[in-house]
């Protein structure tokens, strides 16, 4: 069994914002798995399904981004899972919009939701699927940017990236994190952006 958590903030005002890319990707996985994230447990909306023959719990913490670790730690405890059975879907402002990267572990990189999870679990040994949210052109106030809605012109790129992130999770489950990294962690040439 695996726990797949998308990070974001609850509430309509955060819908379609860069900081909610994790929520969008988990919603896509739920849609692909034919389930609704409607069960409330451990301060999260959850649903159970199966991908690639593996039972998974999909979750969207309702604690707000900066306290995501509380919910994630409770969910892992509830299902008696180690951190190594966790996959986190998260936005990354240091990656170009449209980019998906898979990592088997690593630091929070300045992301408050990831800091909260690493702090609550006491480890960074869990898979993360990062989705690029870098503003173009660059902005001085990144906090306001990640909490503002995507531009209409970017929505197709966002939709494609969310689909790619959901596919990356399936590759991690079916073939392992190394294969997923080989497939998704390629450099994007300027002509592809």
N, C-alpha and C. Protein backbone atom coordinates (compact mmCIF):
# COMPACT_ATOMS: atom_id res chain seq x y z
N UNK A 1 0.84 -1.18 0.00
CA UNK A 1 0.00 0.00 0.00
C UNK A 1 0.88 1.24 0.00
N UNK A 2 0.41 2.29 -0.68
CA UNK A 2 1.11 3.57 -0.73
C UNK A 2 0.15 4.69 -0.35
N UNK A 3 0.71 5.72 0.27
CA UNK A 3 -0.04 6.94 0.55
C UNK A 3 0.42 8.00 -0.43
N UNK A 4 -0.51 8.55 -1.21
CA UNK A 4 -0.19 9.57 -2.22
C UNK A 4 -0.88 10.86 -1.79
N UNK A 5 -0.07 11.85 -1.45
CA UNK A 5 -0.57 13.11 -0.91
C UNK A 5 -0.30 14.25 -1.87
N UNK A 6 -1.33 15.02 -2.16
CA UNK A 6 -1.17 16.24 -2.93
C UNK A 6 -1.22 17.42 -1.98
N UNK A 7 -0.28 18.35 -2.12
CA UNK A 7 -0.26 19.50 -1.23
C UNK A 7 -1.00 20.68 -1.84
N UNK A 8 -1.66 21.44 -0.97
CA UNK A 8 -2.41 22.62 -1.40
C UNK A 8 -3.09 23.25 -0.22
N UNK A 9 -3.93 24.22 -0.51
CA UNK A 9 -4.72 24.89 0.52
C UNK A 9 -6.20 24.66 0.23
N UNK A 10 -6.99 24.31 1.25
CA UNK A 10 -8.43 24.12 1.03
C UNK A 10 -9.13 25.46 0.80
N UNK A 11 -10.21 25.43 0.06
CA UNK A 11 -11.01 26.63 -0.16
C UNK A 11 -10.98 27.09 -1.60
N UNK A 12 -12.12 27.60 -2.04
CA UNK A 12 -12.27 28.01 -3.44
C UNK A 12 -11.28 29.10 -3.84
N UNK A 13 -10.93 29.98 -2.90
CA UNK A 13 -10.03 31.09 -3.24
C UNK A 13 -8.65 30.62 -3.68
N UNK A 14 -8.29 29.35 -3.36
CA UNK A 14 -6.99 28.82 -3.75
C UNK A 14 -7.06 27.90 -4.97
N UNK A 15 -8.26 27.72 -5.49
CA UNK A 15 -8.47 26.86 -6.66
C UNK A 15 -7.69 27.44 -7.84
N UNK A 16 -7.02 26.59 -8.60
CA UNK A 16 -6.24 26.99 -9.78
C UNK A 16 -5.11 27.97 -9.48
N UNK A 17 -4.49 27.82 -8.32
CA UNK A 17 -3.31 28.61 -7.99
C UNK A 17 -2.09 27.69 -8.04
N UNK A 18 -0.90 28.26 -8.27
CA UNK A 18 0.30 27.41 -8.33
C UNK A 18 0.50 26.56 -7.07
N UNK A 19 0.17 27.09 -5.90
CA UNK A 19 0.38 26.35 -4.66
C UNK A 19 -0.56 25.15 -4.53
N UNK A 20 -1.56 25.05 -5.40
CA UNK A 20 -2.51 23.94 -5.33
C UNK A 20 -2.29 22.90 -6.42
N UNK A 21 -1.14 22.91 -7.06
CA UNK A 21 -0.86 21.91 -8.09
C UNK A 21 -0.93 20.49 -7.53
N UNK A 22 -0.49 20.30 -6.29
CA UNK A 22 -0.56 18.97 -5.68
C UNK A 22 -2.00 18.48 -5.55
N UNK A 23 -2.89 19.38 -5.12
CA UNK A 23 -4.31 19.03 -5.05
C UNK A 23 -4.83 18.65 -6.43
N UNK A 24 -4.46 19.43 -7.45
CA UNK A 24 -4.95 19.17 -8.81
C UNK A 24 -4.50 17.80 -9.30
N UNK A 25 -3.25 17.44 -9.01
CA UNK A 25 -2.72 16.15 -9.46
C UNK A 25 -3.41 14.98 -8.74
N UNK A 26 -3.67 15.13 -7.43
CA UNK A 26 -4.38 14.08 -6.70
C UNK A 26 -5.82 13.98 -7.19
N UNK A 27 -6.43 15.11 -7.49
CA UNK A 27 -7.78 15.08 -8.08
C UNK A 27 -7.78 14.31 -9.40
N UNK A 28 -6.74 14.50 -10.20
CA UNK A 28 -6.63 13.78 -11.48
C UNK A 28 -6.48 12.29 -11.24
N UNK A 29 -5.66 11.92 -10.26
CA UNK A 29 -5.50 10.50 -9.93
C UNK A 29 -6.83 9.90 -9.46
N UNK A 30 -7.56 10.65 -8.63
CA UNK A 30 -8.86 10.17 -8.15
C UNK A 30 -9.82 9.96 -9.32
N UNK A 31 -9.81 10.91 -10.23
CA UNK A 31 -10.66 10.81 -11.43
C UNK A 31 -10.27 9.58 -12.24
N UNK A 32 -8.97 9.38 -12.44
CA UNK A 32 -8.49 8.21 -13.19
C UNK A 32 -8.82 6.91 -12.48
N UNK A 33 -8.86 6.95 -11.14
CA UNK A 33 -9.15 5.75 -10.35
C UNK A 33 -10.63 5.54 -10.09
N UNK A 34 -11.46 6.48 -10.58
CA UNK A 34 -12.91 6.34 -10.42
C UNK A 34 -13.40 6.53 -9.00
N UNK A 35 -12.71 7.37 -8.22
CA UNK A 35 -13.12 7.61 -6.83
C UNK A 35 -13.22 9.11 -6.56
N UNK A 36 -13.95 9.44 -5.49
CA UNK A 36 -14.07 10.82 -5.03
C UNK A 36 -13.32 10.98 -3.72
N UNK A 37 -12.58 12.07 -3.60
CA UNK A 37 -11.89 12.37 -2.35
C UNK A 37 -12.91 12.97 -1.39
N UNK A 38 -13.68 12.10 -0.74
CA UNK A 38 -14.80 12.56 0.08
C UNK A 38 -14.74 12.08 1.53
N UNK A 39 -13.87 11.10 1.81
CA UNK A 39 -13.78 10.58 3.17
C UNK A 39 -12.87 11.50 3.99
N UNK A 40 -13.35 11.89 5.16
CA UNK A 40 -12.53 12.74 6.03
C UNK A 40 -11.85 11.88 7.08
N UNK A 41 -10.52 11.94 7.11
CA UNK A 41 -9.75 11.23 8.13
C UNK A 41 -8.39 11.92 8.28
N UNK A 42 -7.91 11.97 9.52
CA UNK A 42 -6.59 12.53 9.82
C UNK A 42 -6.41 13.93 9.22
N UNK A 43 -7.44 14.73 9.32
CA UNK A 43 -7.41 16.11 8.80
C UNK A 43 -7.12 16.18 7.31
N UNK A 44 -7.71 15.24 6.57
CA UNK A 44 -7.53 15.21 5.11
C UNK A 44 -8.78 14.65 4.45
N UNK A 45 -8.96 15.00 3.18
CA UNK A 45 -9.95 14.35 2.34
C UNK A 45 -9.24 13.19 1.66
N UNK A 46 -9.81 12.00 1.75
CA UNK A 46 -9.12 10.82 1.22
C UNK A 46 -10.05 9.95 0.39
N UNK A 47 -9.42 9.04 -0.34
CA UNK A 47 -10.12 8.00 -1.09
C UNK A 47 -9.15 6.86 -1.30
N UNK A 48 -9.67 5.65 -1.35
CA UNK A 48 -8.84 4.47 -1.62
C UNK A 48 -9.14 3.94 -3.00
N UNK A 49 -8.11 3.50 -3.69
CA UNK A 49 -8.28 2.90 -5.01
C UNK A 49 -7.07 2.02 -5.27
N UNK A 50 -6.91 1.59 -6.50
CA UNK A 50 -5.80 0.74 -6.87
C UNK A 50 -5.23 1.21 -8.19
N UNK A 51 -3.90 1.30 -8.25
CA UNK A 51 -3.19 1.61 -9.49
C UNK A 51 -2.09 0.58 -9.67
N UNK A 52 -1.96 0.06 -10.87
CA UNK A 52 -0.87 -0.87 -11.19
C UNK A 52 -0.83 -2.04 -10.20
N UNK A 53 -2.01 -2.47 -9.73
CA UNK A 53 -2.09 -3.60 -8.82
C UNK A 53 -1.71 -3.28 -7.38
N UNK A 54 -1.52 -2.01 -7.08
CA UNK A 54 -1.12 -1.59 -5.72
C UNK A 54 -2.24 -0.77 -5.11
N UNK A 55 -2.65 -1.12 -3.90
CA UNK A 55 -3.66 -0.35 -3.20
C UNK A 55 -3.05 0.98 -2.76
N UNK A 56 -3.78 2.07 -3.00
CA UNK A 56 -3.28 3.39 -2.61
C UNK A 56 -4.36 4.16 -1.87
N UNK A 57 -3.92 5.04 -1.00
CA UNK A 57 -4.79 6.02 -0.37
C UNK A 57 -4.38 7.37 -0.94
N UNK A 58 -5.32 8.05 -1.56
CA UNK A 58 -5.10 9.40 -2.08
C UNK A 58 -5.54 10.39 -1.00
N UNK A 59 -4.79 11.46 -0.82
CA UNK A 59 -5.14 12.40 0.25
C UNK A 59 -4.83 13.84 -0.12
N UNK A 60 -5.71 14.74 0.35
CA UNK A 60 -5.51 16.18 0.27
C UNK A 60 -5.66 16.73 1.69
N UNK A 61 -4.54 17.07 2.35
CA UNK A 61 -4.63 17.61 3.71
C UNK A 61 -5.47 18.89 3.75
N UNK A 62 -6.28 19.01 4.80
CA UNK A 62 -7.11 20.20 4.98
C UNK A 62 -6.53 21.15 6.03
N UNK A 63 -5.25 20.97 6.33
CA UNK A 63 -4.59 21.73 7.39
C UNK A 63 -4.00 23.04 6.91
N UNK A 64 -4.11 23.35 5.63
CA UNK A 64 -3.40 24.43 4.97
C UNK A 64 -1.94 24.01 4.81
N UNK A 65 -1.31 24.57 3.80
CA UNK A 65 0.01 24.14 3.35
C UNK A 65 1.03 24.02 4.48
N UNK A 66 1.16 25.05 5.30
CA UNK A 66 2.25 25.11 6.27
C UNK A 66 2.15 24.09 7.39
N UNK A 67 1.00 23.41 7.51
CA UNK A 67 0.82 22.39 8.54
C UNK A 67 0.53 21.01 7.94
N UNK A 68 0.89 20.82 6.68
CA UNK A 68 0.61 19.56 5.97
C UNK A 68 1.17 18.35 6.69
N UNK A 69 2.30 18.51 7.36
CA UNK A 69 2.94 17.39 8.03
C UNK A 69 2.08 16.74 9.10
N UNK A 70 1.24 17.54 9.76
CA UNK A 70 0.36 16.98 10.79
C UNK A 70 -0.54 15.90 10.21
N UNK A 71 -1.18 16.23 9.10
CA UNK A 71 -2.09 15.29 8.45
C UNK A 71 -1.34 14.09 7.89
N UNK A 72 -0.22 14.34 7.22
CA UNK A 72 0.55 13.26 6.60
C UNK A 72 1.04 12.27 7.66
N UNK A 73 1.56 12.77 8.77
CA UNK A 73 2.04 11.89 9.84
C UNK A 73 0.89 11.05 10.40
N UNK A 74 -0.27 11.65 10.58
CA UNK A 74 -1.43 10.91 11.10
C UNK A 74 -1.90 9.84 10.11
N UNK A 75 -1.88 10.17 8.83
CA UNK A 75 -2.30 9.19 7.83
C UNK A 75 -1.34 8.01 7.77
N UNK A 76 -0.04 8.28 7.79
CA UNK A 76 0.93 7.18 7.79
C UNK A 76 0.75 6.30 9.02
N UNK A 77 0.51 6.92 10.19
CA UNK A 77 0.30 6.15 11.42
C UNK A 77 -0.98 5.33 11.33
N UNK A 78 -2.04 5.93 10.82
CA UNK A 78 -3.32 5.23 10.73
C UNK A 78 -3.22 3.97 9.87
N UNK A 79 -2.48 4.10 8.75
CA UNK A 79 -2.35 2.95 7.85
C UNK A 79 -1.09 2.13 8.12
N UNK A 80 -0.38 2.47 9.21
CA UNK A 80 0.82 1.74 9.62
C UNK A 80 1.83 1.63 8.48
N UNK A 81 2.09 2.78 7.85
CA UNK A 81 3.02 2.83 6.72
C UNK A 81 4.27 3.61 7.10
N UNK A 82 5.44 3.18 6.61
CA UNK A 82 6.66 3.97 6.81
C UNK A 82 6.69 5.12 5.81
N UNK A 83 7.54 6.11 6.08
CA UNK A 83 7.66 7.27 5.17
C UNK A 83 8.06 6.84 3.76
N UNK A 84 8.75 5.72 3.64
CA UNK A 84 9.18 5.26 2.32
C UNK A 84 8.00 4.83 1.44
N UNK A 85 6.81 4.69 2.03
CA UNK A 85 5.61 4.36 1.25
C UNK A 85 4.78 5.61 0.93
N UNK A 86 5.39 6.77 1.08
CA UNK A 86 4.73 8.05 0.82
C UNK A 86 5.21 8.64 -0.50
N UNK A 87 4.26 9.14 -1.29
CA UNK A 87 4.56 9.91 -2.50
C UNK A 87 3.85 11.25 -2.35
N UNK A 88 4.61 12.35 -2.44
CA UNK A 88 4.04 13.68 -2.29
C UNK A 88 4.07 14.40 -3.63
N UNK A 89 2.94 14.97 -4.03
CA UNK A 89 2.83 15.79 -5.23
C UNK A 89 2.83 17.24 -4.80
N UNK A 90 3.75 18.04 -5.36
CA UNK A 90 3.98 19.38 -4.83
C UNK A 90 4.40 20.35 -5.93
N UNK A 91 4.05 21.64 -5.74
CA UNK A 91 4.48 22.69 -6.66
C UNK A 91 5.94 23.05 -6.38
N UNK A 92 6.62 23.56 -7.39
CA UNK A 92 8.03 23.95 -7.25
C UNK A 92 8.30 25.22 -8.07
N UNK A 93 8.46 26.36 -7.39
CA UNK A 93 8.65 27.64 -8.10
C UNK A 93 10.02 27.76 -8.74
N UNK A 94 10.93 26.84 -8.47
CA UNK A 94 12.25 26.89 -9.11
C UNK A 94 12.32 26.06 -10.38
N UNK A 95 11.20 25.47 -10.79
CA UNK A 95 11.13 24.73 -12.05
C UNK A 95 10.18 25.46 -13.00
N UNK A 96 10.53 25.45 -14.29
CA UNK A 96 9.69 26.09 -15.30
C UNK A 96 8.28 25.49 -15.30
N UNK A 97 7.29 26.33 -15.51
CA UNK A 97 5.91 25.87 -15.62
C UNK A 97 5.83 24.80 -16.70
N UNK A 98 5.20 23.68 -16.38
CA UNK A 98 5.08 22.58 -17.33
C UNK A 98 6.06 21.46 -17.09
N UNK A 99 7.05 21.69 -16.23
CA UNK A 99 8.09 20.70 -15.93
C UNK A 99 7.64 19.77 -14.80
N UNK A 100 7.93 18.49 -14.95
CA UNK A 100 7.68 17.51 -13.89
C UNK A 100 9.01 16.85 -13.54
N UNK A 101 9.31 16.76 -12.26
CA UNK A 101 10.54 16.12 -11.78
C UNK A 101 10.19 15.14 -10.66
N UNK A 102 10.82 13.98 -10.68
CA UNK A 102 10.63 12.96 -9.65
C UNK A 102 11.92 12.87 -8.85
N UNK A 103 11.80 12.84 -7.53
CA UNK A 103 12.96 12.70 -6.65
C UNK A 103 12.65 11.65 -5.58
N UNK A 104 13.63 10.82 -5.25
CA UNK A 104 13.40 9.78 -4.24
C UNK A 104 13.50 10.31 -2.81
N UNK A 105 14.10 11.50 -2.63
CA UNK A 105 14.30 12.09 -1.31
C UNK A 105 14.82 13.49 -1.54
N UNK A 106 15.06 14.23 -0.45
CA UNK A 106 15.70 15.54 -0.59
C UNK A 106 15.16 16.55 0.40
N UNK A 107 15.78 17.71 0.36
CA UNK A 107 15.40 18.79 1.28
C UNK A 107 14.06 19.40 0.87
N UNK A 108 13.58 20.29 1.71
CA UNK A 108 12.32 20.99 1.43
C UNK A 108 12.49 22.05 0.36
N UNK A 109 13.73 22.51 0.15
CA UNK A 109 13.97 23.50 -0.88
C UNK A 109 13.21 24.80 -0.67
N UNK A 110 12.94 25.15 0.58
CA UNK A 110 12.23 26.40 0.85
C UNK A 110 10.71 26.29 0.80
N UNK A 111 10.19 25.10 0.49
CA UNK A 111 8.74 24.91 0.39
C UNK A 111 8.18 24.60 1.79
N UNK A 112 7.27 25.44 2.28
CA UNK A 112 6.77 25.29 3.65
C UNK A 112 5.99 24.00 3.88
N UNK A 113 5.25 23.54 2.89
CA UNK A 113 4.53 22.28 3.03
C UNK A 113 5.49 21.11 3.18
N UNK A 114 6.56 21.11 2.39
CA UNK A 114 7.57 20.06 2.48
C UNK A 114 8.33 20.16 3.81
N UNK A 115 8.62 21.38 4.26
CA UNK A 115 9.28 21.56 5.56
C UNK A 115 8.43 20.94 6.66
N UNK A 116 7.12 21.17 6.60
CA UNK A 116 6.21 20.64 7.60
C UNK A 116 6.21 19.11 7.59
N UNK A 117 6.20 18.51 6.41
CA UNK A 117 6.18 17.05 6.32
C UNK A 117 7.49 16.46 6.83
N UNK A 118 8.61 17.01 6.38
CA UNK A 118 9.92 16.51 6.82
C UNK A 118 10.05 16.67 8.33
N UNK A 119 9.59 17.80 8.87
CA UNK A 119 9.65 18.02 10.32
C UNK A 119 8.78 17.04 11.09
N UNK A 120 7.57 16.79 10.60
CA UNK A 120 6.65 15.88 11.29
C UNK A 120 7.11 14.44 11.23
N UNK A 121 7.73 14.05 10.11
CA UNK A 121 8.15 12.66 9.94
C UNK A 121 9.57 12.41 10.45
N UNK A 122 10.36 13.48 10.56
CA UNK A 122 11.75 13.32 10.99
C UNK A 122 12.63 12.69 9.93
N UNK A 123 12.19 12.73 8.67
CA UNK A 123 12.96 12.16 7.56
C UNK A 123 12.56 12.83 6.26
N UNK A 124 13.48 12.81 5.30
CA UNK A 124 13.16 13.28 3.94
C UNK A 124 13.17 12.10 2.96
N UNK A 125 13.13 10.89 3.50
CA UNK A 125 13.19 9.67 2.69
C UNK A 125 11.81 9.27 2.18
N UNK A 126 11.26 10.09 1.30
CA UNK A 126 10.00 9.76 0.64
C UNK A 126 10.03 10.37 -0.75
N UNK A 127 9.30 9.75 -1.66
CA UNK A 127 9.28 10.20 -3.06
C UNK A 127 8.46 11.47 -3.17
N UNK A 128 8.95 12.38 -4.01
CA UNK A 128 8.15 13.56 -4.33
C UNK A 128 8.12 13.75 -5.84
N UNK A 129 6.95 14.15 -6.33
CA UNK A 129 6.76 14.50 -7.73
C UNK A 129 6.52 16.00 -7.75
N UNK A 130 7.50 16.73 -8.28
CA UNK A 130 7.45 18.19 -8.25
C UNK A 130 6.95 18.72 -9.60
N UNK A 131 6.09 19.71 -9.52
CA UNK A 131 5.50 20.33 -10.72
C UNK A 131 5.92 21.79 -10.80
N UNK A 132 6.51 22.16 -11.92
CA UNK A 132 7.03 23.51 -12.11
C UNK A 132 5.96 24.58 -12.04
N UNK A 133 6.26 25.63 -11.28
CA UNK A 133 5.33 26.76 -11.13
C UNK A 133 6.06 28.09 -11.23
N UNK A 134 7.24 28.07 -11.85
CA UNK A 134 8.05 29.29 -11.91
C UNK A 134 7.34 30.38 -12.70
N UNK A 135 7.25 31.58 -12.12
CA UNK A 135 6.58 32.67 -12.83
C UNK A 135 7.41 33.17 -14.01
N UNK A 136 6.74 33.50 -15.08
CA UNK A 136 7.39 34.06 -16.26
C UNK A 136 6.55 35.23 -16.77
N UNK A 137 7.04 36.44 -16.65
CA UNK A 137 8.37 36.84 -16.20
C UNK A 137 8.49 36.68 -14.68
N UNK A 138 9.75 36.69 -14.18
CA UNK A 138 9.97 36.56 -12.73
C UNK A 138 9.24 37.66 -11.94
N UNK A 139 8.86 37.31 -10.72
CA UNK A 139 8.18 38.28 -9.85
C UNK A 139 8.96 38.43 -8.55
N UNK A 140 8.84 39.59 -7.93
CA UNK A 140 9.54 39.84 -6.66
C UNK A 140 8.84 39.14 -5.50
N UNK A 141 7.50 39.12 -5.53
CA UNK A 141 6.72 38.56 -4.43
C UNK A 141 6.20 37.17 -4.80
N UNK A 142 7.01 36.16 -4.51
CA UNK A 142 6.62 34.78 -4.88
C UNK A 142 5.45 34.27 -4.05
N UNK A 143 5.33 34.74 -2.81
CA UNK A 143 4.23 34.30 -1.95
C UNK A 143 2.90 34.70 -2.57
N UNK A 144 2.78 35.94 -2.98
CA UNK A 144 1.53 36.38 -3.64
C UNK A 144 1.30 35.63 -4.94
N UNK A 145 2.38 35.38 -5.67
CA UNK A 145 2.26 34.67 -6.94
C UNK A 145 1.69 33.27 -6.75
N UNK A 146 2.24 32.49 -5.80
CA UNK A 146 1.78 31.10 -5.66
C UNK A 146 0.35 31.01 -5.13
N UNK A 147 -0.17 32.11 -4.56
CA UNK A 147 -1.55 32.12 -4.06
C UNK A 147 -2.50 32.85 -5.00
N UNK A 148 -2.01 33.25 -6.18
CA UNK A 148 -2.85 33.92 -7.19
C UNK A 148 -3.19 32.91 -8.29
N UNK A 149 -4.31 33.13 -8.96
CA UNK A 149 -4.75 32.21 -10.02
C UNK A 149 -3.79 32.22 -11.20
N UNK A 150 -3.69 31.05 -11.85
CA UNK A 150 -2.93 30.96 -13.09
C UNK A 150 -3.54 31.87 -14.15
N UNK A 151 -2.70 32.38 -15.04
CA UNK A 151 -3.21 33.13 -16.18
C UNK A 151 -3.93 32.17 -17.11
N UNK A 152 -4.96 32.68 -17.76
CA UNK A 152 -5.74 31.85 -18.69
C UNK A 152 -4.83 31.22 -19.75
N UNK A 153 -3.84 31.97 -20.20
CA UNK A 153 -2.92 31.49 -21.24
C UNK A 153 -2.10 30.29 -20.77
N UNK A 154 -1.96 30.10 -19.45
CA UNK A 154 -1.15 29.00 -18.92
C UNK A 154 -1.96 27.75 -18.58
N UNK A 155 -3.28 27.82 -18.67
CA UNK A 155 -4.10 26.71 -18.18
C UNK A 155 -3.90 25.40 -18.94
N UNK A 156 -3.64 25.45 -20.23
CA UNK A 156 -3.40 24.23 -21.00
C UNK A 156 -2.09 23.58 -20.56
N UNK A 157 -1.06 24.40 -20.35
CA UNK A 157 0.22 23.89 -19.86
C UNK A 157 0.04 23.25 -18.49
N UNK A 158 -0.73 23.91 -17.62
CA UNK A 158 -0.99 23.39 -16.28
C UNK A 158 -1.72 22.04 -16.38
N UNK A 159 -2.72 21.97 -17.21
CA UNK A 159 -3.49 20.73 -17.36
C UNK A 159 -2.59 19.59 -17.84
N UNK A 160 -1.74 19.87 -18.82
CA UNK A 160 -0.82 18.85 -19.33
C UNK A 160 0.16 18.40 -18.26
N UNK A 161 0.66 19.36 -17.47
CA UNK A 161 1.62 19.05 -16.41
C UNK A 161 0.98 18.18 -15.33
N UNK A 162 -0.26 18.50 -14.95
CA UNK A 162 -0.97 17.73 -13.94
C UNK A 162 -1.17 16.29 -14.43
N UNK A 163 -1.51 16.14 -15.70
CA UNK A 163 -1.67 14.80 -16.28
C UNK A 163 -0.35 14.05 -16.26
N UNK A 164 0.74 14.75 -16.58
CA UNK A 164 2.07 14.15 -16.57
C UNK A 164 2.47 13.72 -15.15
N UNK A 165 2.15 14.56 -14.17
CA UNK A 165 2.46 14.22 -12.78
C UNK A 165 1.71 12.97 -12.33
N UNK A 166 0.44 12.87 -12.72
CA UNK A 166 -0.35 11.68 -12.40
C UNK A 166 0.26 10.45 -13.06
N UNK A 167 0.72 10.61 -14.28
CA UNK A 167 1.37 9.50 -14.99
C UNK A 167 2.69 9.13 -14.30
N UNK A 168 3.42 10.13 -13.82
CA UNK A 168 4.68 9.87 -13.11
C UNK A 168 4.43 9.01 -11.87
N UNK A 169 3.35 9.28 -11.16
CA UNK A 169 3.01 8.46 -9.99
C UNK A 169 2.77 7.02 -10.41
N UNK A 170 2.06 6.83 -11.50
CA UNK A 170 1.78 5.47 -11.97
C UNK A 170 3.07 4.74 -12.36
N UNK A 171 4.01 5.47 -12.97
CA UNK A 171 5.30 4.87 -13.33
C UNK A 171 6.08 4.50 -12.07
N UNK A 172 6.07 5.38 -11.06
CA UNK A 172 6.73 5.06 -9.78
C UNK A 172 6.14 3.77 -9.21
N UNK A 173 4.82 3.64 -9.22
CA UNK A 173 4.17 2.47 -8.66
C UNK A 173 4.48 1.20 -9.46
N UNK A 174 4.47 1.32 -10.77
CA UNK A 174 4.62 0.14 -11.63
C UNK A 174 6.08 -0.27 -11.85
N UNK A 175 6.95 0.74 -12.07
CA UNK A 175 8.32 0.43 -12.49
C UNK A 175 9.39 0.91 -11.52
N UNK A 176 8.99 1.71 -10.52
CA UNK A 176 9.96 2.20 -9.55
C UNK A 176 10.39 3.64 -9.81
N UNK A 177 10.98 4.24 -8.78
CA UNK A 177 11.33 5.65 -8.85
C UNK A 177 12.44 5.92 -9.86
N UNK A 178 13.39 5.01 -10.01
CA UNK A 178 14.49 5.24 -10.97
C UNK A 178 13.98 5.33 -12.40
N UNK A 179 13.08 4.42 -12.76
CA UNK A 179 12.50 4.47 -14.11
C UNK A 179 11.70 5.76 -14.31
N UNK A 180 10.97 6.16 -13.28
CA UNK A 180 10.20 7.41 -13.37
C UNK A 180 11.13 8.60 -13.55
N UNK A 181 12.24 8.62 -12.82
CA UNK A 181 13.20 9.70 -12.96
C UNK A 181 13.79 9.73 -14.36
N UNK A 182 14.14 8.57 -14.90
CA UNK A 182 14.70 8.50 -16.26
C UNK A 182 13.70 9.02 -17.29
N UNK A 183 12.43 8.76 -17.06
CA UNK A 183 11.41 9.17 -18.04
C UNK A 183 11.02 10.64 -17.91
N UNK A 184 10.90 11.14 -16.69
CA UNK A 184 10.35 12.49 -16.49
C UNK A 184 11.39 13.57 -16.20
N UNK A 185 12.57 13.21 -15.75
CA UNK A 185 13.56 14.22 -15.35
C UNK A 185 14.47 14.63 -16.50
N UNK A 186 13.91 14.83 -17.66
CA UNK A 186 14.75 15.24 -18.79
C UNK A 186 14.75 16.77 -18.90
N UNK A 187 15.80 17.27 -19.48
CA UNK A 187 15.89 18.72 -19.69
C UNK A 187 14.91 19.14 -20.79
N UNK A 188 14.28 20.27 -20.58
CA UNK A 188 13.37 20.80 -21.60
C UNK A 188 14.13 21.85 -22.39
N UNK A 189 14.18 21.66 -23.70
CA UNK A 189 14.88 22.64 -24.54
C UNK A 189 14.01 23.89 -24.66
N UNK A 190 14.65 25.06 -24.95
CA UNK A 190 13.87 26.31 -25.08
C UNK A 190 12.76 26.22 -26.12
N UNK A 191 12.94 25.39 -27.15
CA UNK A 191 11.89 25.28 -28.18
C UNK A 191 10.68 24.50 -27.69
N UNK A 192 10.84 23.70 -26.62
CA UNK A 192 9.72 22.91 -26.08
C UNK A 192 8.90 23.69 -25.07
N UNK A 193 9.42 24.82 -24.58
CA UNK A 193 8.71 25.56 -23.53
C UNK A 193 7.58 26.37 -24.10
